[in-house]
C-alpha atoms as a PDB file:
ATOM      1  CA  MET A   1     198.657 137.534 -48.157  1.00  0.00           C
ATOM      2  CA  SER A   2     200.178 136.437 -44.857  1.00  0.00           C
ATOM      3  CA  SER A   3     198.428 136.628 -41.509  1.00  0.00           C
ATOM      4  CA  ARG A   4     199.870 137.056 -38.035  1.00  0.00           C
ATOM      5  CA  SER A   5     199.397 134.879 -35.022  1.00  0.00           C
ATOM      6  CA  ALA A   6     200.550 136.323 -31.717  1.00  0.00           C
ATOM      7  CA  GLU A   7     200.503 134.441 -28.454  1.00  0.00           C
ATOM      8  CA  ILE A   8     201.744 135.002 -24.931  1.00  0.00           C
ATOM      9  CA  ASP A   9     202.165 131.928 -22.725  1.00  0.00           C
ATOM     10  CA  PHE A  10     202.024 132.533 -18.974  1.00  0.00           C
ATOM     11  CA  THR A  11     203.201 130.123 -16.278  1.00  0.00           C
ATOM     12  CA  PHE A  12     202.257 130.382 -12.616  1.00  0.00           C
ATOM     13  CA  THR A  13     203.914 129.254  -9.390  1.00  0.00           C
ATOM     14  CA  ARG A  14     200.701 127.466  -8.395  1.00  0.00           C
ATOM     15  CA  GLU A  15     197.275 126.596  -9.739  1.00  0.00           C
ATOM     16  CA  VAL A  16     195.085 129.594 -10.515  1.00  0.00           C
ATOM     17  CA  THR A  17     191.389 129.787 -11.254  1.00  0.00           C
ATOM     18  CA  VAL A  18     189.838 131.521 -14.207  1.00  0.00           C
ATOM     19  CA  GLY A  19     187.822 133.664 -11.785  1.00  0.00           C
ATOM     20  CA  VAL A  20     190.874 134.857  -9.850  1.00  0.00           C
ATOM     21  CA  THR A  21     192.730 135.551 -13.109  1.00  0.00           C
ATOM     22  CA  VAL A  22     189.858 137.576 -14.567  1.00  0.00           C
ATOM     23  CA  GLU A  23     189.481 139.476 -11.277  1.00  0.00           C
ATOM     24  CA  ALA A  24     193.193 140.352 -11.287  1.00  0.00           C
ATOM     25  CA  LEU A  25     193.008 141.527 -14.912  1.00  0.00           C
ATOM     26  CA  ALA A  26     189.971 143.698 -14.103  1.00  0.00           C
ATOM     27  CA  ALA A  27     192.287 145.980 -12.091  1.00  0.00           C
ATOM     28  CA  ALA A  28     194.074 146.773 -15.379  1.00  0.00           C
ATOM     29  CA  GLY A  29     190.881 147.443 -17.348  1.00  0.00           C
ATOM     30  CA  TRP A  30     190.154 143.941 -18.692  1.00  0.00           C
ATOM     31  CA  SER A  31     186.667 142.442 -18.569  1.00  0.00           C
ATOM     32  CA  LEU A  32     184.704 139.412 -19.731  1.00  0.00           C
ATOM     33  CA  LYS A  33     182.233 141.752 -21.365  1.00  0.00           C
ATOM     34  CA  GLU A  34     183.045 141.960 -25.049  1.00  0.00           C
ATOM     35  CA  PRO A  35     181.064 144.270 -27.333  1.00  0.00           C
ATOM     36  CA  LEU A  36     178.644 141.419 -28.113  1.00  0.00           C
ATOM     37  CA  GLY A  37     178.526 139.530 -24.793  1.00  0.00           C
ATOM     38  CA  ILE A  38     180.743 136.834 -23.298  1.00  0.00           C
ATOM     39  CA  SER A  39     182.551 134.041 -25.179  1.00  0.00           C
ATOM     40  CA  TYR A  40     183.857 130.920 -23.442  1.00  0.00           C
ATOM     41  CA  MET A  41     184.788 127.304 -24.049  1.00  0.00           C
ATOM     42  CA  VAL A  42     185.133 124.041 -22.119  1.00  0.00           C
ATOM     43  CA  ASN A  43     187.040 121.464 -24.155  1.00  0.00           C
ATOM     44  CA  ASP A  44     185.486 118.306 -22.747  1.00  0.00           C
ATOM     45  CA  ASN A  45     185.076 116.628 -26.151  1.00  0.00           C
ATOM     46  CA  ASP A  46     188.197 117.712 -28.133  1.00  0.00           C
ATOM     47  CA  MET A  47     186.030 120.020 -30.258  1.00  0.00           C
ATOM     48  CA  PHE A  48     187.043 123.454 -28.833  1.00  0.00           C
ATOM     49  CA  ASP A  49     183.388 124.454 -29.220  1.00  0.00           C
ATOM     50  CA  TRP A  50     183.041 128.145 -28.294  1.00  0.00           C
ATOM     51  CA  GLN A  51     179.817 129.358 -26.667  1.00  0.00           C
ATOM     52  CA  SER A  52     178.372 132.857 -26.287  1.00  0.00           C
ATOM     53  CA  THR A  53     176.099 134.323 -23.671  1.00  0.00           C
ATOM     54  CA  THR A  54     174.925 137.672 -22.391  1.00  0.00           C
ATOM     55  CA  SER A  55     177.109 139.887 -20.212  1.00  0.00           C
ATOM     56  CA  ASP A  56     174.862 139.464 -17.165  1.00  0.00           C
ATOM     57  CA  ARG A  57     175.861 135.770 -16.939  1.00  0.00           C
ATOM     58  CA  ALA A  58     179.562 136.423 -16.188  1.00  0.00           C
ATOM     59  CA  GLN A  59     179.487 134.772 -12.761  1.00  0.00           C
ATOM     60  CA  GLU A  60     177.780 131.657 -14.161  1.00  0.00           C
ATOM     61  CA  VAL A  61     180.456 131.369 -16.854  1.00  0.00           C
ATOM     62  CA  LEU A  62     183.290 131.669 -14.300  1.00  0.00           C
ATOM     63  CA  THR A  63     181.628 129.081 -12.047  1.00  0.00           C
ATOM     64  CA  LEU A  64     181.369 126.675 -14.997  1.00  0.00           C
ATOM     65  CA  LEU A  65     184.991 127.185 -16.088  1.00  0.00           C
ATOM     66  CA  ASP A  66     186.288 126.724 -12.529  1.00  0.00           C
ATOM     67  CA  ALA A  67     184.032 123.744 -11.700  1.00  0.00           C
ATOM     68  CA  PRO A  68     185.949 120.715 -10.365  1.00  0.00           C
ATOM     69  CA  GLU A  69     184.605 118.519 -13.172  1.00  0.00           C
ATOM     70  CA  ASN A  70     186.374 120.783 -15.686  1.00  0.00           C
ATOM     71  CA  ALA A  71     189.775 120.798 -13.942  1.00  0.00           C
ATOM     72  CA  ASP A  72     191.172 118.206 -16.371  1.00  0.00           C
ATOM     73  CA  HIS A  73     189.982 120.058 -19.487  1.00  0.00           C
ATOM     74  CA  HIS A  74     191.256 123.072 -21.378  1.00  0.00           C
ATOM     75  CA  VAL A  75     188.928 126.005 -20.740  1.00  0.00           C
ATOM     76  CA  ALA A  76     188.961 129.453 -22.289  1.00  0.00           C
ATOM     77  CA  VAL A  77     187.306 132.818 -22.052  1.00  0.00           C
ATOM     78  CA  CYS A  78     187.627 136.017 -24.043  1.00  0.00           C
ATOM     79  CA  VAL A  79     188.719 139.152 -22.231  1.00  0.00           C
ATOM     80  CA  TYR A  80     188.280 142.661 -23.531  1.00  0.00           C
ATOM     81  CA  HIS A  81     189.938 145.982 -22.664  1.00  0.00           C
ATOM     82  CA  VAL A  82     187.225 148.560 -23.327  1.00  0.00           C
ATOM     83  CA  ARG A  83     189.443 151.673 -23.130  1.00  0.00           C
ATOM     84  CA  ALA A  84     191.858 150.195 -25.678  1.00  0.00           C
ATOM     85  CA  ASP A  85     189.137 148.498 -27.794  1.00  0.00           C
ATOM     86  CA  THR A  86     191.096 145.260 -27.975  1.00  0.00           C
ATOM     87  CA  GLY A  87     190.953 141.801 -26.470  1.00  0.00           C
ATOM     88  CA  GLY A  88     191.575 138.156 -26.980  1.00  0.00           C
ATOM     89  CA  GLN A  89     191.320 134.596 -25.801  1.00  0.00           C
ATOM     90  CA  LEU A  90     192.693 133.294 -22.500  1.00  0.00           C
ATOM     91  CA  LEU A  91     193.185 129.526 -22.820  1.00  0.00           C
ATOM     92  CA  PHE A  92     193.881 127.657 -19.566  1.00  0.00           C
ATOM     93  CA  VAL A  93     195.553 124.248 -19.532  1.00  0.00           C
ATOM     94  CA  PRO A  94     194.311 121.400 -17.343  1.00  0.00           C
ATOM     95  CA  ARG A  95     195.189 121.940 -13.660  1.00  0.00           C
ATOM     96  CA  ARG A  96     195.487 125.705 -14.378  1.00  0.00           C
ATOM     97  CA  THR A  97     199.221 126.275 -13.828  1.00  0.00           C
ATOM     98  CA  ALA A  98     199.524 127.977 -17.217  1.00  0.00           C
ATOM     99  CA  CYS A  99     197.447 129.903 -19.711  1.00  0.00           C
ATOM    100  CA  SER A 100     197.911 131.495 -23.115  1.00  0.00           C
ATOM    101  CA  PHE A 101     196.637 134.802 -24.407  1.00  0.00           C
ATOM    102  CA  SER A 102     195.965 135.347 -28.117  1.00  0.00           C
ATOM    103  CA  PRO A 103     194.907 138.831 -29.269  1.00  0.00           C
ATOM    104  CA  THR A 104     191.909 137.947 -31.431  1.00  0.00           C
ATOM    105  CA  ILE A 105     189.678 141.009 -30.919  1.00  0.00           C
ATOM    106  CA  ASN A 106     190.863 144.164 -32.713  1.00  0.00           C
ATOM    107  CA  ARG A 107     194.533 143.127 -32.488  1.00  0.00           C
ATOM    108  CA  ARG A 108     196.803 146.082 -31.741  1.00  0.00           C
ATOM    109  CA  SER A 109     199.565 146.379 -34.293  1.00  0.00           C
ATOM    110  CA  LEU A 110     203.060 147.645 -33.655  1.00  0.00           C
ATOM    111  CA  PRO A 111     203.293 151.376 -34.484  1.00  0.00           C
ATOM    112  CA  GLY A 112     205.095 151.754 -37.805  1.00  0.00           C
ATOM    113  CA  SER A 113     204.887 148.005 -38.505  1.00  0.00           C
ATOM    114  CA  PRO A 114     201.195 147.127 -38.900  1.00  0.00           C
ATOM    115  CA  ALA A 115     201.924 143.519 -39.880  1.00  0.00           C
ATOM    116  CA  PHE A 116     203.300 142.878 -36.369  1.00  0.00           C
ATOM    117  CA  THR A 117     201.374 142.690 -33.106  1.00  0.00           C
ATOM    118  CA  ASP A 118     202.193 145.243 -30.409  1.00  0.00           C
ATOM    119  CA  VAL A 119     203.131 142.461 -27.991  1.00  0.00           C
ATOM    120  CA  GLY A 120     204.720 145.035 -25.670  1.00  0.00           C
ATOM    121  CA  TRP A 121     201.376 146.749 -25.114  1.00  0.00           C
ATOM    122  CA  TYR A 122     199.716 143.443 -24.222  1.00  0.00           C
ATOM    123  CA  LEU A 123     202.569 142.530 -21.858  1.00  0.00           C
ATOM    124  CA  HIS A 124     202.347 145.966 -20.210  1.00  0.00           C
ATOM    125  CA  THR A 125     198.645 145.489 -19.452  1.00  0.00           C
ATOM    126  CA  LEU A 126     198.656 141.757 -18.630  1.00  0.00           C
ATOM    127  CA  VAL A 127     201.859 141.051 -16.668  1.00  0.00           C
ATOM    128  CA  PRO A 128     201.498 143.441 -13.670  1.00  0.00           C
ATOM    129  CA  PRO A 129     198.065 142.154 -12.565  1.00  0.00           C
ATOM    130  CA  LEU A 130     199.123 138.532 -13.118  1.00  0.00           C
ATOM    131  CA  LEU A 131     202.162 139.025 -10.872  1.00  0.00           C
ATOM    132  CA  ALA A 132     199.749 139.485  -7.973  1.00  0.00           C
ATOM    133  CA  ILE A 133     198.381 135.961  -8.457  1.00  0.00           C
ATOM    134  CA  GLY A 134     201.672 134.119  -8.841  1.00  0.00           C
ATOM    135  CA  LEU A 135     202.951 134.744 -12.365  1.00  0.00           C
ATOM    136  CA  GLU A 136     206.283 132.938 -12.707  1.00  0.00           C
ATOM    137  CA  GLY A 137     207.157 133.764 -16.293  1.00  0.00           C
ATOM    138  CA  TYR A 138     205.979 134.310 -19.826  1.00  0.00           C
ATOM    139  CA  GLU A 139     206.996 133.671 -23.414  1.00  0.00           C
ATOM    140  CA  ALA A 140     205.698 135.867 -26.227  1.00  0.00           C
ATOM    141  CA  ARG A 141     205.809 135.337 -29.970  1.00  0.00           C
ATOM    142  CA  ASP A 142     204.392 136.888 -33.109  1.00  0.00           C
ATOM    143  CA  ILE A 143     204.540 134.586 -36.097  1.00  0.00           C
ATOM    144  CA  GLY A 144     203.506 135.215 -39.685  1.00  0.00           C
ATOM    145  CA  SER A 145     202.022 132.453 -41.785  1.00  0.00           C
END
């Protein structure tokens, strides 16, 4: 059985912070609060070791991800769209001029083609708020393996 891997890569005209990005996405219904809390990662040891915490610690997580000592590391956080019951991982590259989104929480499939991700829906809900913080472009792909 094959599985799908969808990803949308975003590039920005300038450096962005995780906090500003999450705040912009909140206007479109996205949140750090997943059904079971908050998931995040600082890749300071090449292990991509994900952590979980309670929803009331959102500001602490954003402060950690945006801390100057983490500027040279990949950092990530899961975002969740409660009305659509879907979400995924936002992975930021060092220096924060780009990030990738992977729909890993209740991935929305393309109507009539359940093997494919509804990339259009994700673009519709992610691109407009990211334009406000300097989105320059994106590349989306849905690949079977």
